[in-house]
Amino acid sequence: MDKLHTVIQSISGETKSKPAHLTVFREFLAHLEKIQHKAPKTAARVQKPARRKPKRAK
């Protein structure tokens, strides 16, 4: 959590006050949401191989 706090501070440039850990976590989640919305939504789907019929026992 301390590393997260340091990263958020360096991104926002705020060095005067130490926000509570909950505030830092909320800022982190907000950054994740921004990144998620910017990501391309058309991800290629992996196709499953065709199902084969089991061989009959003789």
PDB file of N, CA and C in Angstrom:
ATOM      1  N   MET A   1       0.822  -1.181   0.000  1.00  0.00           N
ATOM      2  CA  MET A   1       0.000   0.000   0.000  1.00  0.00           C
ATOM      3  C   MET A   1       0.872   1.254   0.000  1.00  0.00           C
ATOM      4  N   ASP A   2       2.030   1.172   0.654  1.00  0.00           N
ATOM      5  CA  ASP A   2       2.918   2.327   0.684  1.00  0.00           C
ATOM      6  C   ASP A   2       3.476   2.638  -0.698  1.00  0.00           C
ATOM      7  N   LYS A   3       3.792   1.603  -1.465  1.00  0.00           N
ATOM      8  CA  LYS A   3       4.279   1.824  -2.832  1.00  0.00           C
ATOM      9  C   LYS A   3       3.188   2.438  -3.691  1.00  0.00           C
ATOM     10  N   LEU A   4       1.973   1.985  -3.507  1.00  0.00           N
ATOM     11  CA  LEU A   4       0.841   2.536  -4.238  1.00  0.00           C
ATOM     12  C   LEU A   4       0.687   4.012  -3.905  1.00  0.00           C
ATOM     13  N   HIS A   5       0.806   4.342  -2.642  1.00  0.00           N
ATOM     14  CA  HIS A   5       0.704   5.731  -2.192  1.00  0.00           C
ATOM     15  C   HIS A   5       1.787   6.588  -2.863  1.00  0.00           C
ATOM     16  N   THR A   6       3.002   6.069  -2.937  1.00  0.00           N
ATOM     17  CA  THR A   6       4.105   6.799  -3.552  1.00  0.00           C
ATOM     18  C   THR A   6       3.861   7.020  -5.037  1.00  0.00           C
ATOM     19  N   VAL A   7       3.366   6.000  -5.715  1.00  0.00           N
ATOM     20  CA  VAL A   7       3.097   6.105  -7.153  1.00  0.00           C
ATOM     21  C   VAL A   7       1.998   7.121  -7.419  1.00  0.00           C
ATOM     22  N   ILE A   8       0.937   7.062  -6.662  1.00  0.00           N
ATOM     23  CA  ILE A   8      -0.173   8.005  -6.849  1.00  0.00           C
ATOM     24  C   ILE A   8       0.308   9.431  -6.582  1.00  0.00           C
ATOM     25  N   GLN A   9       1.136   9.611  -5.569  1.00  0.00           N
ATOM     26  CA  GLN A   9       1.663  10.945  -5.279  1.00  0.00           C
ATOM     27  C   GLN A   9       2.515  11.450  -6.427  1.00  0.00           C
ATOM     28  N   SER A  10       3.342  10.603  -7.003  1.00  0.00           N
ATOM     29  CA  SER A  10       4.199  11.039  -8.098  1.00  0.00           C
ATOM     30  C   SER A  10       3.388  11.374  -9.343  1.00  0.00           C
ATOM     31  N   ILE A  11       2.288  10.672  -9.544  1.00  0.00           N
ATOM     32  CA  ILE A  11       1.432  10.948 -10.701  1.00  0.00           C
ATOM     33  C   ILE A  11       0.697  12.269 -10.508  1.00  0.00           C
ATOM     34  N   SER A  12       0.121  12.462  -9.343  1.00  0.00           N
ATOM     35  CA  SER A  12      -0.689  13.651  -9.111  1.00  0.00           C
ATOM     36  C   SER A  12       0.143  14.872  -8.732  1.00  0.00           C
ATOM     37  N   GLY A  13       1.383  14.677  -8.286  1.00  0.00           N
ATOM     38  CA  GLY A  13       2.228  15.797  -7.924  1.00  0.00           C
ATOM     39  C   GLY A  13       1.909  16.369  -6.557  1.00  0.00           C
ATOM     40  N   GLU A  14       1.075  15.713  -5.792  1.00  0.00           N
ATOM     41  CA  GLU A  14       0.693  16.205  -4.477  1.00  0.00           C
ATOM     42  C   GLU A  14       1.718  15.714  -3.458  1.00  0.00           C
ATOM     43  N   THR A  15       2.419  16.647  -2.808  1.00  0.00           N
ATOM     44  CA  THR A  15       3.438  16.256  -1.833  1.00  0.00           C
ATOM     45  C   THR A  15       3.224  16.902  -0.472  1.00  0.00           C
ATOM     46  N   LYS A  16       2.254  17.802  -0.341  1.00  0.00           N
ATOM     47  CA  LYS A  16       2.068  18.534   0.912  1.00  0.00           C
ATOM     48  C   LYS A  16       1.376  17.700   1.986  1.00  0.00           C
ATOM     49  N   SER A  17       0.374  16.963   1.625  1.00  0.00           N
ATOM     50  CA  SER A  17      -0.370  16.204   2.626  1.00  0.00           C
ATOM     51  C   SER A  17      -0.393  14.737   2.257  1.00  0.00           C
ATOM     52  N   LYS A  18      -0.545  13.892   3.263  1.00  0.00           N
ATOM     53  CA  LYS A  18      -0.636  12.455   3.036  1.00  0.00           C
ATOM     54  C   LYS A  18      -2.103  12.050   3.093  1.00  0.00           C
ATOM     55  N   PRO A  19      -2.685  11.644   1.960  1.00  0.00           N
ATOM     56  CA  PRO A  19      -4.073  11.204   1.989  1.00  0.00           C
ATOM     57  C   PRO A  19      -4.203   9.851   2.691  1.00  0.00           C
ATOM     58  N   ALA A  20      -5.360   9.585   3.185  1.00  0.00           N
ATOM     59  CA  ALA A  20      -5.621   8.309   3.853  1.00  0.00           C
ATOM     60  C   ALA A  20      -5.486   7.176   2.839  1.00  0.00           C
ATOM     61  N   HIS A  21      -5.189   5.994   3.336  1.00  0.00           N
ATOM     62  CA  HIS A  21      -5.003   4.849   2.443  1.00  0.00           C
ATOM     63  C   HIS A  21      -6.246   4.573   1.611  1.00  0.00           C
ATOM     64  N   LEU A  22      -7.395   4.792   2.170  1.00  0.00           N
ATOM     65  CA  LEU A  22      -8.629   4.555   1.422  1.00  0.00           C
ATOM     66  C   LEU A  22      -8.735   5.520   0.243  1.00  0.00           C
ATOM     67  N   THR A  23      -8.344   6.768   0.462  1.00  0.00           N
ATOM     68  CA  THR A  23      -8.365   7.754  -0.615  1.00  0.00           C
ATOM     69  C   THR A  23      -7.389   7.353  -1.719  1.00  0.00           C
ATOM     70  N   VAL A  24      -6.212   6.898  -1.337  1.00  0.00           N
ATOM     71  CA  VAL A  24      -5.217   6.461  -2.317  1.00  0.00           C
ATOM     72  C   VAL A  24      -5.757   5.286  -3.114  1.00  0.00           C
ATOM     73  N   PHE A  25      -6.399   4.354  -2.439  1.00  0.00           N
ATOM     74  CA  PHE A  25      -6.956   3.196  -3.128  1.00  0.00           C
ATOM     75  C   PHE A  25      -8.054   3.609  -4.103  1.00  0.00           C
ATOM     76  N   ARG A  26      -8.885   4.551  -3.711  1.00  0.00           N
ATOM     77  CA  ARG A  26      -9.941   5.032  -4.620  1.00  0.00           C
ATOM     78  C   ARG A  26      -9.343   5.716  -5.838  1.00  0.00           C
ATOM     79  N   GLU A  27      -8.275   6.490  -5.646  1.00  0.00           N
ATOM     80  CA  GLU A  27      -7.600   7.120  -6.783  1.00  0.00           C
ATOM     81  C   GLU A  27      -7.018   6.057  -7.711  1.00  0.00           C
ATOM     82  N   PHE A  28      -6.444   5.024  -7.114  1.00  0.00           N
ATOM     83  CA  PHE A  28      -5.891   3.924  -7.905  1.00  0.00           C
ATOM     84  C   PHE A  28      -6.981   3.258  -8.746  1.00  0.00           C
ATOM     85  N   LEU A  29      -8.135   3.002  -8.145  1.00  0.00           N
ATOM     86  CA  LEU A  29      -9.249   2.404  -8.887  1.00  0.00           C
ATOM     87  C   LEU A  29      -9.722   3.330 -10.002  1.00  0.00           C
ATOM     88  N   ALA A  30      -9.727   4.632  -9.748  1.00  0.00           N
ATOM     89  CA  ALA A  30     -10.128   5.585 -10.779  1.00  0.00           C
ATOM     90  C   ALA A  30      -9.166   5.533 -11.962  1.00  0.00           C
ATOM     91  N   HIS A  31      -7.860   5.418 -11.680  1.00  0.00           N
ATOM     92  CA  HIS A  31      -6.884   5.301 -12.760  1.00  0.00           C
ATOM     93  C   HIS A  31      -7.091   4.013 -13.543  1.00  0.00           C
ATOM     94  N   LEU A  32      -7.388   2.930 -12.857  1.00  0.00           N
ATOM     95  CA  LEU A  32      -7.642   1.667 -13.547  1.00  0.00           C
ATOM     96  C   LEU A  32      -8.862   1.767 -14.456  1.00  0.00           C
ATOM     97  N   GLU A  33      -9.898   2.434 -13.992  1.00  0.00           N
ATOM     98  CA  GLU A  33     -11.104   2.598 -14.819  1.00  0.00           C
ATOM     99  C   GLU A  33     -10.795   3.410 -16.065  1.00  0.00           C
ATOM    100  N   LYS A  34      -9.977   4.463 -15.929  1.00  0.00           N
ATOM    101  CA  LYS A  34      -9.614   5.268 -17.099  1.00  0.00           C
ATOM    102  C   LYS A  34      -8.866   4.423 -18.117  1.00  0.00           C
ATOM    103  N   ILE A  35      -7.933   3.621 -17.622  1.00  0.00           N
ATOM    104  CA  ILE A  35      -7.152   2.766 -18.513  1.00  0.00           C
ATOM    105  C   ILE A  35      -8.052   1.747 -19.192  1.00  0.00           C
ATOM    106  N   GLN A  36      -8.995   1.194 -18.439  1.00  0.00           N
ATOM    107  CA  GLN A  36      -9.889   0.180 -18.985  1.00  0.00           C
ATOM    108  C   GLN A  36     -10.770   0.771 -20.082  1.00  0.00           C
ATOM    109  N   HIS A  37     -11.228   1.990 -19.905  1.00  0.00           N
ATOM    110  CA  HIS A  37     -12.093   2.616 -20.914  1.00  0.00           C
ATOM    111  C   HIS A  37     -11.308   2.969 -22.172  1.00  0.00           C
ATOM    112  N   LYS A  38     -10.004   3.210 -22.041  1.00  0.00           N
ATOM    113  CA  LYS A  38      -9.191   3.547 -23.200  1.00  0.00           C
ATOM    114  C   LYS A  38      -8.765   2.318 -23.984  1.00  0.00           C
ATOM    115  N   ALA A  39      -8.793   1.148 -23.360  1.00  0.00           N
ATOM    116  CA  ALA A  39      -8.356  -0.079 -24.021  1.00  0.00           C
ATOM    117  C   ALA A  39      -9.322  -0.441 -25.143  1.00  0.00           C
ATOM    118  N   PRO A  40      -8.797  -1.008 -26.220  1.00  0.00           N
ATOM    119  CA  PRO A  40      -9.694  -1.431 -27.309  1.00  0.00           C
ATOM    120  C   PRO A  40     -10.626  -2.536 -26.833  1.00  0.00           C
ATOM    121  N   LYS A  41     -11.873  -2.405 -27.218  1.00  0.00           N
ATOM    122  CA  LYS A  41     -12.883  -3.354 -26.748  1.00  0.00           C
ATOM    123  C   LYS A  41     -13.042  -4.551 -27.663  1.00  0.00           C
ATOM    124  N   THR A  42     -12.400  -4.542 -28.804  1.00  0.00           N
ATOM    125  CA  THR A  42     -12.549  -5.643 -29.747  1.00  0.00           C
ATOM    126  C   THR A  42     -11.364  -6.598 -29.594  1.00  0.00           C
ATOM    127  N   ALA A  43     -11.407  -7.403 -28.588  1.00  0.00           N
ATOM    128  CA  ALA A  43     -10.365  -8.410 -28.382  1.00  0.00           C
ATOM    129  C   ALA A  43     -10.706  -9.639 -29.219  1.00  0.00           C
ATOM    130  N   ALA A  44      -9.687 -10.216 -29.792  1.00  0.00           N
ATOM    131  CA  ALA A  44      -9.901 -11.413 -30.615  1.00  0.00           C
ATOM    132  C   ALA A  44     -10.283 -12.577 -29.713  1.00  0.00           C
ATOM    133  N   ARG A  45     -11.341 -13.266 -30.087  1.00  0.00           N
ATOM    134  CA  ARG A  45     -11.781 -14.429 -29.315  1.00  0.00           C
ATOM    135  C   ARG A  45     -11.024 -15.649 -29.778  1.00  0.00           C
ATOM    136  N   VAL A  46     -10.647 -16.448 -28.841  1.00  0.00           N
ATOM    137  CA  VAL A  46      -9.956 -17.694 -29.154  1.00  0.00           C
ATOM    138  C   VAL A  46     -11.003 -18.745 -29.470  1.00  0.00           C
ATOM    139  N   GLN A  47     -10.854 -19.373 -30.627  1.00  0.00           N
ATOM    140  CA  GLN A  47     -11.822 -20.389 -31.025  1.00  0.00           C
ATOM    141  C   GLN A  47     -11.444 -21.721 -30.410  1.00  0.00           C
ATOM    142  N   LYS A  48     -12.445 -22.402 -29.922  1.00  0.00           N
ATOM    143  CA  LYS A  48     -12.226 -23.734 -29.369  1.00  0.00           C
ATOM    144  C   LYS A  48     -12.145 -24.725 -30.514  1.00  0.00           C
ATOM    145  N   PRO A  49     -11.324 -25.762 -30.384  1.00  0.00           N
ATOM    146  CA  PRO A  49     -11.274 -26.773 -31.451  1.00  0.00           C
ATOM    147  C   PRO A  49     -12.605 -27.507 -31.553  1.00  0.00           C
ATOM    148  N   ALA A  50     -12.912 -27.960 -32.748  1.00  0.00           N
ATOM    149  CA  ALA A  50     -14.172 -28.654 -32.982  1.00  0.00           C
ATOM    150  C   ALA A  50     -14.220 -29.930 -32.154  1.00  0.00           C
ATOM    151  N   ARG A  51     -15.389 -30.225 -31.623  1.00  0.00           N
ATOM    152  CA  ARG A  51     -15.550 -31.463 -30.842  1.00  0.00           C
ATOM    153  C   ARG A  51     -15.570 -32.652 -31.781  1.00  0.00           C
ATOM    154  N   ARG A  52     -14.825 -33.651 -31.416  1.00  0.00           N
ATOM    155  CA  ARG A  52     -14.803 -34.883 -32.219  1.00  0.00           C
ATOM    156  C   ARG A  52     -15.719 -35.896 -31.565  1.00  0.00           C
ATOM    157  N   LYS A  53     -16.350 -36.684 -32.414  1.00  0.00           N
ATOM    158  CA  LYS A  53     -17.196 -37.742 -31.897  1.00  0.00           C
ATOM    159  C   LYS A  53     -16.310 -38.860 -31.381  1.00  0.00           C
ATOM    160  N   PRO A  54     -16.634 -39.406 -30.222  1.00  0.00           N
ATOM    161  CA  PRO A  54     -15.801 -40.509 -29.699  1.00  0.00           C
ATOM    162  C   PRO A  54     -15.955 -41.753 -30.577  1.00  0.00           C
ATOM    163  N   LYS A  55     -14.850 -42.466 -30.695  1.00  0.00           N
ATOM    164  CA  LYS A  55     -14.875 -43.697 -31.501  1.00  0.00           C
ATOM    165  C   LYS A  55     -15.632 -44.771 -30.744  1.00  0.00           C
ATOM    166  N   ARG A  56     -16.328 -45.589 -31.511  1.00  0.00           N
ATOM    167  CA  ARG A  56     -17.079 -46.670 -30.874  1.00  0.00           C
ATOM    168  C   ARG A  56     -16.144 -47.802 -30.459  1.00  0.00           C
ATOM    169  N   ALA A  57     -16.422 -48.368 -29.328  1.00  0.00           N
ATOM    170  CA  ALA A  57     -15.638 -49.523 -28.865  1.00  0.00           C
ATOM    171  C   ALA A  57     -16.060 -50.753 -29.654  1.00  0.00           C
ATOM    172  N   LYS A  58     -15.114 -51.587 -30.021  1.00  0.00           N
ATOM    173  CA  LYS A  58     -15.426 -52.802 -30.811  1.00  0.00           C
ATOM    174  C   LYS A  58     -15.523 -53.994 -29.937  1.00  0.00           C
TER     175      LYS A  58
END
